[in-house]
Amino acid sequence: EEGIQTQNFDDFTDAGHKHSCIIVRFNNCKPNERKRITERANYYLKKKIPFDYGFNHKDTSVMFCSEIIWHIFLDEFNIDIFTDGNGGTDFSQFKNFWDSTNFDIILNHQTKYSVDF
């Protein structure tokens, strides 16, 4: 199946490169608002949106992985997590996920750093 889908966490991490996993938590909301992230992700999952092989962020009838994440935070919190600092949006900036402006690092296998939940 292609497009938005669920995947078991262990299967996801097992399919990745060793020591490449970084887990982050969005820090621009109250703990009781975090469920909005899951709810919005489930909204897109239920729509069964196909994968966007053209990587066109202006067409939401199909979406690529980081575009979905972008929409979740934009829709729910009005925050552009992929801003490039020049007023544009750059979806290739995965480093934005470990920028403390929007995210706290919970676990980083790259540096063996972790924080208690």
C-alpha atoms as a PDB file:
ATOM      1  CA  GLU A   1       0.000   0.000   0.000  1.00  0.00           C
ATOM      2  CA  GLU A   2       1.265   3.466  -0.849  1.00  0.00           C
ATOM      3  CA  GLY A   3       0.309   6.766   0.694  1.00  0.00           C
ATOM      4  CA  ILE A   4      -0.473   7.561   4.296  1.00  0.00           C
ATOM      5  CA  GLN A   5      -0.424   4.449   6.444  1.00  0.00           C
ATOM      6  CA  THR A   6       0.321   3.233   9.946  1.00  0.00           C
ATOM      7  CA  GLN A   7       3.417   1.229  10.777  1.00  0.00           C
ATOM      8  CA  ASN A   8       4.565  -0.565  13.895  1.00  0.00           C
ATOM      9  CA  PHE A   9       7.328   1.462  15.602  1.00  0.00           C
ATOM     10  CA  ASP A  10       9.747  -1.501  15.814  1.00  0.00           C
ATOM     11  CA  ASP A  11       9.242  -2.311  12.118  1.00  0.00           C
ATOM     12  CA  PHE A  12       9.870   1.329  11.235  1.00  0.00           C
ATOM     13  CA  THR A  13      13.097   1.571  13.218  1.00  0.00           C
ATOM     14  CA  ASP A  14      14.288  -1.880  12.086  1.00  0.00           C
ATOM     15  CA  ALA A  15      13.968  -0.762   8.458  1.00  0.00           C
ATOM     16  CA  GLY A  16      16.178   2.281   9.081  1.00  0.00           C
ATOM     17  CA  HIS A  17      19.924   2.624   9.295  1.00  0.00           C
ATOM     18  CA  LYS A  18      21.551   1.698  12.591  1.00  0.00           C
ATOM     19  CA  HIS A  19      22.048   4.685  14.933  1.00  0.00           C
ATOM     20  CA  SER A  20      19.887   6.962  12.763  1.00  0.00           C
ATOM     21  CA  CYS A  21      16.768   7.292  14.943  1.00  0.00           C
ATOM     22  CA  ILE A  22      15.921  10.600  16.564  1.00  0.00           C
ATOM     23  CA  ILE A  23      12.685  10.973  18.520  1.00  0.00           C
ATOM     24  CA  VAL A  24      11.429  14.495  19.120  1.00  0.00           C
ATOM     25  CA  ARG A  25       8.448  16.051  20.869  1.00  0.00           C
ATOM     26  CA  PHE A  26       6.692  19.184  19.651  1.00  0.00           C
ATOM     27  CA  ASN A  27       7.171  21.811  22.362  1.00  0.00           C
ATOM     28  CA  ASN A  28       4.823  24.570  21.149  1.00  0.00           C
ATOM     29  CA  CYS A  29       1.721  23.241  22.817  1.00  0.00           C
ATOM     30  CA  LYS A  30       0.544  22.218  26.243  1.00  0.00           C
ATOM     31  CA  PRO A  31       0.773  18.502  27.106  1.00  0.00           C
ATOM     32  CA  ASN A  32      -3.035  18.211  26.974  1.00  0.00           C
ATOM     33  CA  GLU A  33      -2.988  19.613  23.393  1.00  0.00           C
ATOM     34  CA  ARG A  34      -0.583  16.976  22.024  1.00  0.00           C
ATOM     35  CA  LYS A  35      -3.514  14.704  21.178  1.00  0.00           C
ATOM     36  CA  ARG A  36      -4.375  17.207  18.420  1.00  0.00           C
ATOM     37  CA  ILE A  37      -1.293  15.979  16.533  1.00  0.00           C
ATOM     38  CA  THR A  38      -2.508  12.378  16.611  1.00  0.00           C
ATOM     39  CA  GLU A  39      -6.063  13.380  15.777  1.00  0.00           C
ATOM     40  CA  ARG A  40      -4.941  15.383  12.737  1.00  0.00           C
ATOM     41  CA  ALA A  41      -2.659  12.556  11.582  1.00  0.00           C
ATOM     42  CA  ASN A  42      -5.617  10.164  11.847  1.00  0.00           C
ATOM     43  CA  TYR A  43      -7.717  12.624   9.837  1.00  0.00           C
ATOM     44  CA  TYR A  44      -5.226  12.377   6.956  1.00  0.00           C
ATOM     45  CA  LEU A  45      -4.925   8.594   7.385  1.00  0.00           C
ATOM     46  CA  LYS A  46      -8.699   8.186   7.028  1.00  0.00           C
ATOM     47  CA  LYS A  47      -8.665  10.254   3.830  1.00  0.00           C
ATOM     48  CA  LYS A  48      -6.348   7.587   2.285  1.00  0.00           C
ATOM     49  CA  ILE A  49      -4.285  10.224   0.527  1.00  0.00           C
ATOM     50  CA  PRO A  50      -1.928   8.693  -2.070  1.00  0.00           C
ATOM     51  CA  PHE A  51       1.816   9.338  -2.052  1.00  0.00           C
ATOM     52  CA  ASP A  52       2.917  12.395  -4.049  1.00  0.00           C
ATOM     53  CA  TYR A  53       5.752  11.300  -6.331  1.00  0.00           C
ATOM     54  CA  GLY A  54       5.842  14.790  -7.840  1.00  0.00           C
ATOM     55  CA  PHE A  55       6.564  16.371  -4.435  1.00  0.00           C
ATOM     56  CA  ASN A  56       4.118  19.212  -5.131  1.00  0.00           C
ATOM     57  CA  HIS A  57       3.182  20.749  -1.778  1.00  0.00           C
ATOM     58  CA  LYS A  58       0.480  22.891  -3.404  1.00  0.00           C
ATOM     59  CA  ASP A  59      -1.637  19.843  -4.318  1.00  0.00           C
ATOM     60  CA  THR A  60      -3.103  18.257  -1.185  1.00  0.00           C
ATOM     61  CA  SER A  61      -4.951  15.504  -3.063  1.00  0.00           C
ATOM     62  CA  VAL A  62      -1.630  13.633  -2.896  1.00  0.00           C
ATOM     63  CA  MET A  63       1.069  14.172  -0.242  1.00  0.00           C
ATOM     64  CA  PHE A  64       4.659  13.188   0.488  1.00  0.00           C
ATOM     65  CA  CYS A  65       5.825  12.259   4.006  1.00  0.00           C
ATOM     66  CA  SER A  66       7.170  15.590   5.251  1.00  0.00           C
ATOM     67  CA  GLU A  67       4.257  17.437   3.623  1.00  0.00           C
ATOM     68  CA  ILE A  68       1.816  15.539   5.838  1.00  0.00           C
ATOM     69  CA  ILE A  69       3.790  16.478   8.945  1.00  0.00           C
ATOM     70  CA  TRP A  70       3.962  20.093   7.745  1.00  0.00           C
ATOM     71  CA  HIS A  71       0.176  20.219   7.321  1.00  0.00           C
ATOM     72  CA  ILE A  72      -0.474  18.706  10.744  1.00  0.00           C
ATOM     73  CA  PHE A  73       1.444  21.459  12.543  1.00  0.00           C
ATOM     74  CA  LEU A  74       0.247  24.189  10.196  1.00  0.00           C
ATOM     75  CA  ASP A  75      -3.405  23.113  10.510  1.00  0.00           C
ATOM     76  CA  GLU A  76      -3.444  22.551  14.257  1.00  0.00           C
ATOM     77  CA  PHE A  77      -0.990  25.139  15.597  1.00  0.00           C
ATOM     78  CA  ASN A  78      -0.473  27.577  12.698  1.00  0.00           C
ATOM     79  CA  ILE A  79       3.290  26.898  12.823  1.00  0.00           C
ATOM     80  CA  ASP A  80       5.404  26.335   9.710  1.00  0.00           C
ATOM     81  CA  ILE A  81       7.974  23.799  10.898  1.00  0.00           C
ATOM     82  CA  PHE A  82       9.754  23.882   7.532  1.00  0.00           C
ATOM     83  CA  THR A  83      10.347  27.607   7.206  1.00  0.00           C
ATOM     84  CA  ASP A  84      13.720  28.266   5.626  1.00  0.00           C
ATOM     85  CA  GLY A  85      14.315  31.590   7.362  1.00  0.00           C
ATOM     86  CA  ASN A  86      13.781  33.554   4.146  1.00  0.00           C
ATOM     87  CA  GLY A  87       9.995  33.395   4.161  1.00  0.00           C
ATOM     88  CA  GLY A  88       9.926  30.206   2.104  1.00  0.00           C
ATOM     89  CA  THR A  89       9.271  26.576   2.926  1.00  0.00           C
ATOM     90  CA  ASP A  90      11.954  23.919   2.469  1.00  0.00           C
ATOM     91  CA  PHE A  91      10.749  20.360   3.064  1.00  0.00           C
ATOM     92  CA  SER A  92      14.273  18.928   2.826  1.00  0.00           C
ATOM     93  CA  GLN A  93      15.265  20.585   6.098  1.00  0.00           C
ATOM     94  CA  PHE A  94      14.860  17.608   8.437  1.00  0.00           C
ATOM     95  CA  LYS A  95      17.299  19.371  10.747  1.00  0.00           C
ATOM     96  CA  ASN A  96      14.282  21.487  11.723  1.00  0.00           C
ATOM     97  CA  PHE A  97      13.086  18.524  13.803  1.00  0.00           C
ATOM     98  CA  TRP A  98      16.005  18.863  16.181  1.00  0.00           C
ATOM     99  CA  ASP A  99      15.797  22.658  16.337  1.00  0.00           C
ATOM    100  CA  SER A 100      14.734  23.511  19.892  1.00  0.00           C
ATOM    101  CA  THR A 101      12.492  26.293  18.568  1.00  0.00           C
ATOM    102  CA  ASN A 102       9.732  23.748  17.901  1.00  0.00           C
ATOM    103  CA  PHE A 103      10.986  20.380  19.158  1.00  0.00           C
ATOM    104  CA  ASP A 104      12.677  18.786  22.144  1.00  0.00           C
ATOM    105  CA  ILE A 105      14.909  15.785  21.492  1.00  0.00           C
ATOM    106  CA  ILE A 106      13.645  12.831  23.507  1.00  0.00           C
ATOM    107  CA  LEU A 107      16.017  10.187  22.175  1.00  0.00           C
ATOM    108  CA  ASN A 108      18.926  10.490  19.779  1.00  0.00           C
ATOM    109  CA  HIS A 109      20.680   7.287  18.753  1.00  0.00           C
ATOM    110  CA  GLN A 110      23.219   9.342  16.858  1.00  0.00           C
ATOM    111  CA  THR A 111      24.671  10.800  20.060  1.00  0.00           C
ATOM    112  CA  LYS A 112      23.333   8.291  22.613  1.00  0.00           C
ATOM    113  CA  TYR A 113      21.426  11.196  24.211  1.00  0.00           C
ATOM    114  CA  SER A 114      18.063  10.594  25.780  1.00  0.00           C
ATOM    115  CA  VAL A 115      15.616  12.310  28.111  1.00  0.00           C
ATOM    116  CA  ASP A 116      13.162  10.650  30.469  1.00  0.00           C
ATOM    117  CA  PHE A 117       9.528  10.830  29.450  1.00  0.00           C
END
